[in-house]
């Protein structure tokens, strides 16, 4: 059984991750990342220092060397993987903003609930090796934008809250009113009316039983952090 502290190597696209690291390094240093088997490469040292500065995670030079040369054969520690993605996200943010500006509109995004992947509460963006929005930030988005978009059924002052499900920690996102009554649910990435098939959308509704759900509204997340209604049933 895989440790919950590990991301299976099979779901990480290492080539894509290295391409992203190389592009982010170029934006960081203004030069191409030199790929070499020499563990004490000055580029690997600069990358290690900058990742530590941005994330507080101290990656080993041998790990960086093995990853960048595509010889890393083990599963990924969550902290190490997240540090890499944060570095990439930080330096490629400007690129995303340029794409948004050129297109005139923010980009549509798919979300995937992290707990279903033996990870912590939060969502992956666009793929299971995409950027990760942790629960602290996601909770604010859901409270301030998503459940606020259904005022007829969700009273002002309601909030989202994590709940366990048959022993699985933080499996559910429920909606709690100001009197602590459970009044609804938020589903992140999966469609309860289609066998929980993943489509990356966000749904708000009510759980009637373990096998029956009532969907009120469907939302799409965008790259500027907004959520737009795709369909409303109320």
Protein backbone atom coordinates (compact mmCIF):
# COMPACT_ATOMS: atom_id res chain seq x y z
CA UNK A 1 0.00 0.00 0.00
CA UNK A 2 1.33 3.42 -0.99
CA UNK A 3 2.14 5.86 1.81
CA UNK A 4 -0.14 8.90 1.96
CA UNK A 5 3.06 10.98 2.02
CA UNK A 6 3.98 9.80 -1.47
CA UNK A 7 2.73 10.63 -4.95
CA UNK A 8 2.98 7.52 -7.18
CA UNK A 9 5.62 8.02 -9.86
CA UNK A 10 3.20 6.58 -12.40
CA UNK A 11 0.90 9.64 -12.27
CA UNK A 12 3.70 12.21 -12.57
CA UNK A 13 4.64 13.22 -16.10
CA UNK A 14 8.34 13.71 -15.44
CA UNK A 15 9.18 14.96 -18.91
CA UNK A 16 6.51 17.65 -18.69
CA UNK A 17 7.62 18.60 -15.18
CA UNK A 18 11.24 18.95 -16.30
CA UNK A 19 10.16 21.07 -19.27
CA UNK A 20 8.27 23.34 -16.87
CA UNK A 21 11.25 23.52 -14.51
CA UNK A 22 13.54 24.40 -17.40
CA UNK A 23 11.23 27.18 -18.59
CA UNK A 24 10.81 28.53 -15.05
CA UNK A 25 14.60 28.43 -14.55
CA UNK A 26 15.06 30.41 -17.75
CA UNK A 27 12.64 33.04 -16.47
CA UNK A 28 14.45 33.04 -13.11
CA UNK A 29 18.05 33.30 -14.40
CA UNK A 30 17.68 34.44 -18.00
CA UNK A 31 19.63 31.41 -19.23
CA UNK A 32 18.90 27.82 -20.18
CA UNK A 33 19.11 25.15 -17.49
CA UNK A 34 22.15 22.98 -18.18
CA UNK A 35 21.18 19.32 -17.91
CA UNK A 36 24.14 17.34 -16.61
CA UNK A 37 24.91 14.29 -14.52
CA UNK A 38 27.24 16.38 -12.36
CA UNK A 39 25.42 16.67 -9.04
CA UNK A 40 27.26 19.84 -7.97
CA UNK A 41 26.28 21.74 -11.09
CA UNK A 42 26.02 25.48 -10.43
CA UNK A 43 22.58 25.47 -12.10
CA UNK A 44 21.30 22.75 -9.76
CA UNK A 45 22.67 24.70 -6.79
CA UNK A 46 20.97 27.91 -7.93
CA UNK A 47 17.71 26.01 -8.49
CA UNK A 48 17.94 24.42 -5.04
CA UNK A 49 18.55 27.77 -3.34
CA UNK A 50 15.70 29.53 -5.15
CA UNK A 51 13.21 26.72 -4.45
CA UNK A 52 14.16 26.88 -0.77
CA UNK A 53 13.73 30.67 -0.76
CA UNK A 54 10.26 30.44 -2.30
CA UNK A 55 8.91 27.39 -0.48
CA UNK A 56 11.07 26.62 2.56
CA UNK A 57 11.62 23.09 1.24
CA UNK A 58 15.26 22.02 1.02
CA UNK A 59 15.60 19.65 -1.92
CA UNK A 60 18.75 17.59 -2.29
CA UNK A 61 21.03 18.18 -5.25
CA UNK A 62 20.96 14.48 -6.07
CA UNK A 63 17.14 14.52 -6.25
CA UNK A 64 17.20 17.54 -8.59
CA UNK A 65 19.90 15.95 -10.74
CA UNK A 66 18.03 12.64 -11.00
CA UNK A 67 14.73 14.36 -11.81
CA UNK A 68 16.15 16.70 -14.43
CA UNK A 69 18.12 13.92 -16.12
CA UNK A 70 14.97 11.72 -15.99
CA UNK A 71 16.70 9.04 -13.95
CA UNK A 72 14.52 9.47 -10.83
CA UNK A 73 12.79 6.10 -10.33
CA UNK A 74 11.03 6.52 -6.97
CA UNK A 75 7.66 7.88 -5.88
CA UNK A 76 7.59 11.60 -5.09
CA UNK A 77 7.42 13.04 -1.60
CA UNK A 78 4.47 15.44 -1.44
CA UNK A 79 6.58 18.25 0.02
CA UNK A 80 9.23 17.90 -2.68
CA UNK A 81 6.69 17.72 -5.51
CA UNK A 82 4.75 20.72 -4.20
CA UNK A 83 7.95 22.75 -3.88
CA UNK A 84 8.76 22.06 -7.53
CA UNK A 85 5.26 23.03 -8.64
CA UNK A 86 5.31 26.21 -6.57
CA UNK A 87 8.60 27.23 -8.18
CA UNK A 88 7.14 26.54 -11.62
CA UNK A 89 3.90 28.34 -10.85
CA UNK A 90 5.72 31.39 -9.46
CA UNK A 91 7.90 31.92 -12.53
CA UNK A 92 5.36 30.90 -15.15
CA UNK A 93 2.57 33.05 -13.70
CA UNK A 94 3.55 35.88 -16.00
CA UNK A 95 3.21 33.52 -18.98
CA UNK A 96 -0.34 32.62 -17.90
CA UNK A 97 -1.20 36.30 -17.55
CA UNK A 98 0.08 36.93 -21.08
CA UNK A 99 -2.10 34.12 -22.44
CA UNK A 100 -5.10 35.54 -20.65
CA UNK A 101 -4.41 39.00 -22.00
CA UNK A 102 -3.95 37.75 -25.58
CA UNK A 103 -7.16 35.74 -25.40
CA UNK A 104 -9.08 38.58 -23.83
CA UNK A 105 -10.58 36.25 -21.20
CA UNK A 106 -9.28 34.10 -18.32
CA UNK A 107 -8.68 30.44 -19.16
CA UNK A 108 -11.11 27.68 -18.20
CA UNK A 109 -9.73 25.26 -15.61
CA UNK A 110 -10.61 21.75 -14.47
CA UNK A 111 -10.41 20.90 -10.77
CA UNK A 112 -9.67 17.54 -9.13
CA UNK A 113 -10.28 16.84 -5.43
CA UNK A 114 -6.97 15.99 -3.77
CA UNK A 115 -8.36 13.70 -1.06
CA UNK A 116 -9.48 11.19 -3.70
CA UNK A 117 -5.81 10.87 -4.68
CA UNK A 118 -4.62 10.05 -1.14
CA UNK A 119 -3.56 13.68 -0.82
CA UNK A 120 -4.68 16.45 1.49
CA UNK A 121 -7.79 18.61 1.11
CA UNK A 122 -7.59 20.94 -1.86
CA UNK A 123 -7.78 20.75 -5.65
CA UNK A 124 -5.33 20.01 -8.42
CA UNK A 125 -5.72 22.27 -11.45
CA UNK A 126 -6.15 20.71 -14.92
CA UNK A 127 -4.34 17.44 -14.06
CA UNK A 128 -3.24 15.38 -11.07
CA UNK A 129 0.27 16.76 -11.52
CA UNK A 130 -0.96 20.32 -12.01
CA UNK A 131 -0.81 23.25 -9.60
CA UNK A 132 -2.44 22.60 -6.22
CA UNK A 133 -4.78 24.94 -4.32
CA UNK A 134 -4.72 24.02 -0.64
CA UNK A 135 -7.84 23.95 1.52
CA UNK A 136 -7.20 27.31 3.19
CA UNK A 137 -7.39 29.14 -0.15
CA UNK A 138 -10.02 26.87 -1.68
CA UNK A 139 -12.28 27.26 1.36
CA UNK A 140 -12.27 31.03 0.86
CA UNK A 141 -13.13 30.69 -2.83
CA UNK A 142 -16.00 28.31 -2.13
CA UNK A 143 -17.39 30.48 0.66
CA UNK A 144 -17.05 33.83 -1.04
CA UNK A 145 -17.94 32.90 -4.63
CA UNK A 146 -19.47 29.45 -5.10
CA UNK A 147 -22.00 28.94 -2.31
CA UNK A 148 -22.69 32.68 -2.32
CA UNK A 149 -23.97 32.18 -5.87
CA UNK A 150 -27.01 30.23 -4.71
CA UNK A 151 -28.66 32.61 -2.20
CA UNK A 152 -32.20 31.25 -2.53
CA UNK A 153 -31.19 27.86 -1.11
CA UNK A 154 -28.02 28.71 0.84
CA UNK A 155 -28.62 31.34 3.56
CA UNK A 156 -26.18 34.20 4.13
CA UNK A 157 -23.62 33.23 6.76
CA UNK A 158 -23.31 29.63 5.59
CA UNK A 159 -19.85 28.12 5.07
CA UNK A 160 -18.17 25.00 3.72
CA UNK A 161 -16.67 22.45 6.08
CA UNK A 162 -14.72 19.21 5.70
CA UNK A 163 -16.30 15.97 6.93
CA UNK A 164 -15.09 12.38 7.17
CA UNK A 165 -16.93 9.63 5.30
CA UNK A 166 -16.92 5.99 6.50
CA UNK A 167 -13.52 6.50 8.10
CA UNK A 168 -12.02 8.44 5.19
CA UNK A 169 -10.72 11.74 6.56
CA UNK A 170 -11.84 15.01 4.92
CA UNK A 171 -13.61 13.09 2.14
CA UNK A 172 -16.65 15.38 1.96
CA UNK A 173 -17.21 19.11 1.57
CA UNK A 174 -20.52 20.02 3.18
CA UNK A 175 -22.32 23.34 3.56
CA UNK A 176 -23.15 24.40 7.11
CA UNK A 177 -25.52 27.23 7.99
CA UNK A 178 -24.93 29.73 10.79
CA UNK A 179 -26.78 27.40 13.21
CA UNK A 180 -24.41 24.53 12.32
CA UNK A 181 -27.05 22.61 10.37
CA UNK A 182 -25.81 20.57 7.40
CA UNK A 183 -27.76 22.03 4.49
CA UNK A 184 -25.84 21.04 1.35
CA UNK A 185 -22.78 19.70 -0.39
CA UNK A 186 -20.04 20.82 -2.78
CA UNK A 187 -18.62 18.28 -5.24
CA UNK A 188 -15.24 19.06 -6.79
CA UNK A 189 -14.46 17.55 -10.19
CA UNK A 190 -16.89 14.63 -10.27
CA UNK A 191 -20.48 14.27 -11.49
CA UNK A 192 -22.71 12.43 -8.97
CA UNK A 193 -25.38 11.90 -11.63
CA UNK A 194 -22.94 10.14 -13.98
CA UNK A 195 -21.24 7.56 -11.77
CA UNK A 196 -18.87 10.23 -10.39
CA UNK A 197 -17.20 10.54 -13.78
CA UNK A 198 -14.55 13.25 -13.57
CA UNK A 199 -15.24 16.35 -15.67
CA UNK A 200 -13.39 18.98 -13.61
CA UNK A 201 -16.48 21.04 -12.79
CA UNK A 202 -17.75 22.23 -9.39
CA UNK A 203 -21.27 21.34 -8.27
CA UNK A 204 -23.42 22.59 -5.42
CA UNK A 205 -26.42 20.67 -4.15
CA UNK A 206 -27.64 18.35 -1.42
CA UNK A 207 -26.81 14.76 -0.52
CA UNK A 208 -30.07 12.88 0.02
CA UNK A 209 -28.50 9.47 0.73
CA UNK A 210 -25.31 7.56 -0.04
CA UNK A 211 -26.69 6.86 -3.51
CA UNK A 212 -28.88 9.89 -4.26
CA UNK A 213 -27.98 13.54 -4.81
CA UNK A 214 -29.72 16.72 -5.89
CA UNK A 215 -27.55 19.11 -7.92
CA UNK A 216 -28.57 22.78 -7.77
CA UNK A 217 -25.85 24.54 -9.76
CA UNK A 218 -22.74 23.70 -11.81
CA UNK A 219 -19.72 26.02 -11.95
CA UNK A 220 -16.52 26.29 -14.01
CA UNK A 221 -13.36 27.64 -12.39
CA UNK A 222 -11.21 30.12 -14.36
CA UNK A 223 -7.53 31.01 -14.14
CA UNK A 224 -8.26 34.36 -12.47
CA UNK A 225 -9.85 32.54 -9.52
CA UNK A 226 -13.42 33.28 -10.62
CA UNK A 227 -16.24 30.73 -10.87
CA UNK A 228 -18.94 31.02 -13.53
CA UNK A 229 -22.27 29.27 -13.60
CA UNK A 230 -22.48 26.60 -16.32
CA UNK A 231 -25.99 25.44 -15.49
CA UNK A 232 -28.59 26.15 -12.81
CA UNK A 233 -31.45 23.82 -11.86
CA UNK A 234 -33.07 26.15 -9.32
